[in-house]
Amino acid sequence: MVIVILSVTTMMIAPSFFSASSASLDDEGHRLVQTLRLAQDEAILSGQTLRITLRNNSYSFQSISIDAEWTPFQSSPYQDHQLIDGIRIEQIKPQPPLDEKDDPEKEPALGHLILSPEGMNQISDITLIQASDNRTLHIQFRPGPGGIRIVNDAATSSP
């Protein structure tokens, strides 16, 4: 009887261990999409231009200061975010130009995406990858409602 109870308990718990690694890529992707959507709304409602700086292992938001300098945007949920270990931003297509030198104390930026008060954003695709199994997740960054979203491999297209 004890063996049966242990077997049933193990069968109930085991799937959560195996799905945790695949869920983390999905969780990071959904977190990035939701934060980008909130930042786009923030840019429109506040009337200020925001920028997201994407790095291999992190991303951060900045806003334009009075003296036209990009300054870190510190209100929640826009603080610097470190990706979960084993997940990284693989690429941004098309590669946006970097308009200034990186902070030498941080990892180099892959690119910047601009969120404008007019609600128009550039066309880009962001690819996240999970190192343990090379699984990827693609995020589309497009103008208009629903323009920031996760797409599956079959629906991914180059702009």
C-alpha atoms as a PDB file:
ATOM      1  CA  MET A   1       0.000   0.000   0.000  1.00  0.00           C
ATOM      2  CA  VAL A   2       2.860   2.371   0.843  1.00  0.00           C
ATOM      3  CA  ILE A   3       4.461   1.686  -2.549  1.00  0.00           C
ATOM      4  CA  VAL A   4       1.196   2.490  -4.332  1.00  0.00           C
ATOM      5  CA  ILE A   5       0.832   5.790  -2.438  1.00  0.00           C
ATOM      6  CA  LEU A   6       4.446   6.749  -3.196  1.00  0.00           C
ATOM      7  CA  SER A   7       3.979   5.847  -6.873  1.00  0.00           C
ATOM      8  CA  VAL A   8       0.833   7.960  -7.197  1.00  0.00           C
ATOM      9  CA  THR A   9       2.483  10.893  -5.404  1.00  0.00           C
ATOM     10  CA  THR A  10       5.564  10.644  -7.635  1.00  0.00           C
ATOM     11  CA  MET A  11       3.389  10.579 -10.768  1.00  0.00           C
ATOM     12  CA  MET A  12       1.660  13.766  -9.605  1.00  0.00           C
ATOM     13  CA  ILE A  13       4.862  15.635  -8.742  1.00  0.00           C
ATOM     14  CA  ALA A  14       7.226  14.485 -11.535  1.00  0.00           C
ATOM     15  CA  PRO A  15       5.622  16.479 -14.407  1.00  0.00           C
ATOM     16  CA  SER A  16       6.231  19.751 -12.581  1.00  0.00           C
ATOM     17  CA  PHE A  17       9.974  19.027 -12.449  1.00  0.00           C
ATOM     18  CA  PHE A  18      10.197  18.287 -16.159  1.00  0.00           C
ATOM     19  CA  SER A  19       8.070  21.222 -17.297  1.00  0.00           C
ATOM     20  CA  ALA A  20       9.841  23.802 -15.138  1.00  0.00           C
ATOM     21  CA  SER A  21      12.709  24.330 -17.581  1.00  0.00           C
ATOM     22  CA  SER A  22      10.472  24.740 -20.625  1.00  0.00           C
ATOM     23  CA  ALA A  23       8.088  26.966 -18.707  1.00  0.00           C
ATOM     24  CA  SER A  24      10.874  29.365 -17.783  1.00  0.00           C
ATOM     25  CA  LEU A  25      11.458  30.330 -21.456  1.00  0.00           C
ATOM     26  CA  ASP A  26       7.733  30.876 -21.911  1.00  0.00           C
ATOM     27  CA  ASP A  27       7.572  32.815 -18.638  1.00  0.00           C
ATOM     28  CA  GLU A  28      10.436  35.120 -19.674  1.00  0.00           C
ATOM     29  CA  GLY A  29       8.858  35.656 -23.106  1.00  0.00           C
ATOM     30  CA  HIS A  30       5.454  36.476 -21.652  1.00  0.00           C
ATOM     31  CA  ARG A  31       7.032  38.779 -19.069  1.00  0.00           C
ATOM     32  CA  LEU A  32       8.915  40.685 -21.787  1.00  0.00           C
ATOM     33  CA  VAL A  33       5.794  40.986 -23.971  1.00  0.00           C
ATOM     34  CA  GLN A  34       3.650  42.239 -21.074  1.00  0.00           C
ATOM     35  CA  THR A  35       6.318  44.724 -19.974  1.00  0.00           C
ATOM     36  CA  LEU A  36       6.696  46.021 -23.547  1.00  0.00           C
ATOM     37  CA  ARG A  37       2.925  46.473 -23.809  1.00  0.00           C
ATOM     38  CA  LEU A  38       2.838  48.343 -20.494  1.00  0.00           C
ATOM     39  CA  ALA A  39       5.766  50.523 -21.593  1.00  0.00           C
ATOM     40  CA  GLN A  40       4.012  51.325 -24.882  1.00  0.00           C
ATOM     41  CA  ASP A  41       0.909  52.378 -22.924  1.00  0.00           C
ATOM     42  CA  GLU A  42       3.108  54.407 -20.544  1.00  0.00           C
ATOM     43  CA  ALA A  43       4.727  56.220 -23.485  1.00  0.00           C
ATOM     44  CA  ILE A  44       1.338  57.079 -24.994  1.00  0.00           C
ATOM     45  CA  LEU A  45      -0.313  58.155 -21.725  1.00  0.00           C
ATOM     46  CA  SER A  46       2.650  60.147 -20.383  1.00  0.00           C
ATOM     47  CA  GLY A  47       3.574  61.683 -23.739  1.00  0.00           C
ATOM     48  CA  GLN A  48       7.235  60.731 -23.365  1.00  0.00           C
ATOM     49  CA  THR A  49       9.461  58.571 -25.526  1.00  0.00           C
ATOM     50  CA  LEU A  50      10.751  55.411 -23.870  1.00  0.00           C
ATOM     51  CA  ARG A  51      13.517  53.097 -25.012  1.00  0.00           C
ATOM     52  CA  ILE A  52      14.277  49.501 -24.173  1.00  0.00           C
ATOM     53  CA  THR A  53      17.895  48.397 -24.300  1.00  0.00           C
ATOM     54  CA  LEU A  54      18.248  44.700 -25.013  1.00  0.00           C
ATOM     55  CA  ARG A  55      21.330  42.768 -23.956  1.00  0.00           C
ATOM     56  CA  ASN A  56      22.027  39.022 -24.163  1.00  0.00           C
ATOM     57  CA  ASN A  57      21.138  38.429 -20.507  1.00  0.00           C
ATOM     58  CA  SER A  58      19.041  41.446 -19.544  1.00  0.00           C
ATOM     59  CA  TYR A  59      16.946  44.385 -20.657  1.00  0.00           C
ATOM     60  CA  SER A  60      16.275  47.841 -19.254  1.00  0.00           C
ATOM     61  CA  PHE A  61      14.082  50.850 -19.972  1.00  0.00           C
ATOM     62  CA  GLN A  62      15.125  54.485 -20.308  1.00  0.00           C
ATOM     63  CA  SER A  63      13.297  57.767 -20.791  1.00  0.00           C
ATOM     64  CA  ILE A  64      14.459  61.071 -22.245  1.00  0.00           C
ATOM     65  CA  SER A  65      15.471  63.615 -19.609  1.00  0.00           C
ATOM     66  CA  ILE A  66      15.027  67.384 -19.929  1.00  0.00           C
ATOM     67  CA  ASP A  67      18.579  67.711 -21.269  1.00  0.00           C
ATOM     68  CA  ALA A  68      17.855  65.085 -23.996  1.00  0.00           C
ATOM     69  CA  GLU A  69      19.846  62.282 -22.317  1.00  0.00           C
ATOM     70  CA  TRP A  70      18.584  58.717 -21.896  1.00  0.00           C
ATOM     71  CA  THR A  71      18.140  58.047 -18.186  1.00  0.00           C
ATOM     72  CA  PRO A  72      17.111  54.778 -16.494  1.00  0.00           C
ATOM     73  CA  PHE A  73      13.360  54.449 -15.999  1.00  0.00           C
ATOM     74  CA  GLN A  74      13.118  53.244 -12.400  1.00  0.00           C
ATOM     75  CA  SER A  75       9.423  52.853 -11.693  1.00  0.00           C
ATOM     76  CA  SER A  76       7.998  49.363 -11.456  1.00  0.00           C
ATOM     77  CA  PRO A  77       7.875  47.212 -13.649  1.00  0.00           C
ATOM     78  CA  TYR A  78      10.521  48.955 -15.764  1.00  0.00           C
ATOM     79  CA  GLN A  79      13.631  48.414 -13.638  1.00  0.00           C
ATOM     80  CA  ASP A  80      16.540  46.487 -15.127  1.00  0.00           C
ATOM     81  CA  HIS A  81      15.541  42.853 -15.560  1.00  0.00           C
ATOM     82  CA  GLN A  82      18.048  40.000 -15.523  1.00  0.00           C
ATOM     83  CA  LEU A  83      16.873  36.958 -17.505  1.00  0.00           C
ATOM     84  CA  ILE A  84      16.644  33.556 -15.821  1.00  0.00           C
ATOM     85  CA  ASP A  85      19.902  31.563 -15.979  1.00  0.00           C
ATOM     86  CA  GLY A  86      20.119  29.581 -19.207  1.00  0.00           C
ATOM     87  CA  ILE A  87      17.896  31.979 -21.164  1.00  0.00           C
ATOM     88  CA  ARG A  88      19.266  34.763 -23.324  1.00  0.00           C
ATOM     89  CA  ILE A  89      18.232  37.156 -26.050  1.00  0.00           C
ATOM     90  CA  GLU A  90      19.712  35.600 -29.160  1.00  0.00           C
ATOM     91  CA  GLN A  91      19.026  38.317 -31.724  1.00  0.00           C
ATOM     92  CA  ILE A  92      17.005  41.317 -32.808  1.00  0.00           C
ATOM     93  CA  LYS A  93      16.005  41.572 -36.469  1.00  0.00           C
ATOM     94  CA  PRO A  94      16.493  43.894 -38.159  1.00  0.00           C
ATOM     95  CA  GLN A  95      19.465  44.905 -36.053  1.00  0.00           C
ATOM     96  CA  PRO A  96      18.669  48.435 -34.793  1.00  0.00           C
ATOM     97  CA  PRO A  97      21.588  50.877 -34.884  1.00  0.00           C
ATOM     98  CA  LEU A  98      23.282  51.648 -31.577  1.00  0.00           C
ATOM     99  CA  ASP A  99      23.423  55.403 -31.184  1.00  0.00           C
ATOM    100  CA  GLU A 100      25.897  55.707 -28.319  1.00  0.00           C
ATOM    101  CA  LYS A 101      28.690  53.908 -26.554  1.00  0.00           C
ATOM    102  CA  ASP A 102      27.814  51.243 -24.015  1.00  0.00           C
ATOM    103  CA  ASP A 103      28.520  51.526 -20.340  1.00  0.00           C
ATOM    104  CA  PRO A 104      31.752  49.528 -19.938  1.00  0.00           C
ATOM    105  CA  GLU A 105      30.461  48.050 -16.681  1.00  0.00           C
ATOM    106  CA  LYS A 106      27.507  46.394 -18.437  1.00  0.00           C
ATOM    107  CA  GLU A 107      27.392  43.766 -21.127  1.00  0.00           C
ATOM    108  CA  PRO A 108      27.208  45.242 -24.663  1.00  0.00           C
ATOM    109  CA  ALA A 109      23.765  46.164 -25.951  1.00  0.00           C
ATOM    110  CA  LEU A 110      22.282  44.191 -28.834  1.00  0.00           C
ATOM    111  CA  GLY A 111      20.069  47.131 -29.716  1.00  0.00           C
ATOM    112  CA  HIS A 112      17.471  49.656 -28.625  1.00  0.00           C
ATOM    113  CA  LEU A 113      13.771  49.679 -29.446  1.00  0.00           C
ATOM    114  CA  ILE A 114      11.894  52.985 -29.256  1.00  0.00           C
ATOM    115  CA  LEU A 115       8.393  53.337 -27.788  1.00  0.00           C
ATOM    116  CA  SER A 116       6.986  56.679 -28.892  1.00  0.00           C
ATOM    117  CA  PRO A 117       4.065  58.725 -27.541  1.00  0.00           C
ATOM    118  CA  GLU A 118       2.433  58.572 -30.971  1.00  0.00           C
ATOM    119  CA  GLY A 119       1.960  54.845 -30.500  1.00  0.00           C
ATOM    120  CA  MET A 120       4.056  53.892 -33.501  1.00  0.00           C
ATOM    121  CA  ASN A 121       6.913  51.525 -32.894  1.00  0.00           C
ATOM    122  CA  GLN A 122       9.491  50.112 -35.219  1.00  0.00           C
ATOM    123  CA  ILE A 123       9.220  46.687 -36.777  1.00  0.00           C
ATOM    124  CA  SER A 124      11.486  44.147 -35.093  1.00  0.00           C
ATOM    125  CA  ASP A 125      11.646  40.501 -34.130  1.00  0.00           C
ATOM    126  CA  ILE A 126      13.258  39.442 -30.857  1.00  0.00           C
ATOM    127  CA  THR A 127      14.424  35.856 -30.392  1.00  0.00           C
ATOM    128  CA  LEU A 128      14.903  34.339 -26.938  1.00  0.00           C
ATOM    129  CA  ILE A 129      16.756  31.040 -26.639  1.00  0.00           C
ATOM    130  CA  GLN A 130      17.024  28.484 -23.860  1.00  0.00           C
ATOM    131  CA  ALA A 131      20.564  27.114 -23.814  1.00  0.00           C
ATOM    132  CA  SER A 132      19.748  23.709 -22.309  1.00  0.00           C
ATOM    133  CA  ASP A 133      17.721  22.513 -25.307  1.00  0.00           C
ATOM    134  CA  ASN A 134      18.143  25.306 -27.909  1.00  0.00           C
ATOM    135  CA  ARG A 135      14.404  25.975 -27.772  1.00  0.00           C
ATOM    136  CA  THR A 136      13.532  29.419 -29.120  1.00  0.00           C
ATOM    137  CA  LEU A 137      10.708  31.871 -28.643  1.00  0.00           C
ATOM    138  CA  HIS A 138      10.010  34.699 -31.115  1.00  0.00           C
ATOM    139  CA  ILE A 139       8.475  38.033 -30.175  1.00  0.00           C
ATOM    140  CA  GLN A 140       7.083  40.361 -32.852  1.00  0.00           C
ATOM    141  CA  PHE A 141       7.349  44.092 -32.252  1.00  0.00           C
ATOM    142  CA  ARG A 142       4.952  45.854 -34.650  1.00  0.00           C
ATOM    143  CA  PRO A 143       2.850  49.033 -34.801  1.00  0.00           C
ATOM    144  CA  GLY A 144      -0.794  48.904 -33.842  1.00  0.00           C
ATOM    145  CA  PRO A 145      -2.971  47.042 -31.376  1.00  0.00           C
ATOM    146  CA  GLY A 146      -1.714  43.557 -30.674  1.00  0.00           C
ATOM    147  CA  GLY A 147       1.561  44.379 -32.383  1.00  0.00           C
ATOM    148  CA  ILE A 148       3.716  43.124 -29.519  1.00  0.00           C
ATOM    149  CA  ARG A 149       3.178  39.379 -29.317  1.00  0.00           C
ATOM    150  CA  ILE A 150       4.730  35.938 -29.211  1.00  0.00           C
ATOM    151  CA  VAL A 151       4.549  34.006 -32.476  1.00  0.00           C
ATOM    152  CA  ASN A 152       5.282  30.370 -33.172  1.00  0.00           C
ATOM    153  CA  ASP A 153       7.992  29.285 -35.616  1.00  0.00           C
ATOM    154  CA  ALA A 154       5.544  28.742 -38.473  1.00  0.00           C
ATOM    155  CA  ALA A 155       4.154  32.274 -38.160  1.00  0.00           C
ATOM    156  CA  THR A 156       7.532  34.010 -37.894  1.00  0.00           C
ATOM    157  CA  SER A 157       8.431  36.013 -40.949  1.00  0.00           C
ATOM    158  CA  SER A 158      11.214  38.435 -41.702  1.00  0.00           C
ATOM    159  CA  PRO A 159      10.074  42.041 -42.037  1.00  0.00           C
END
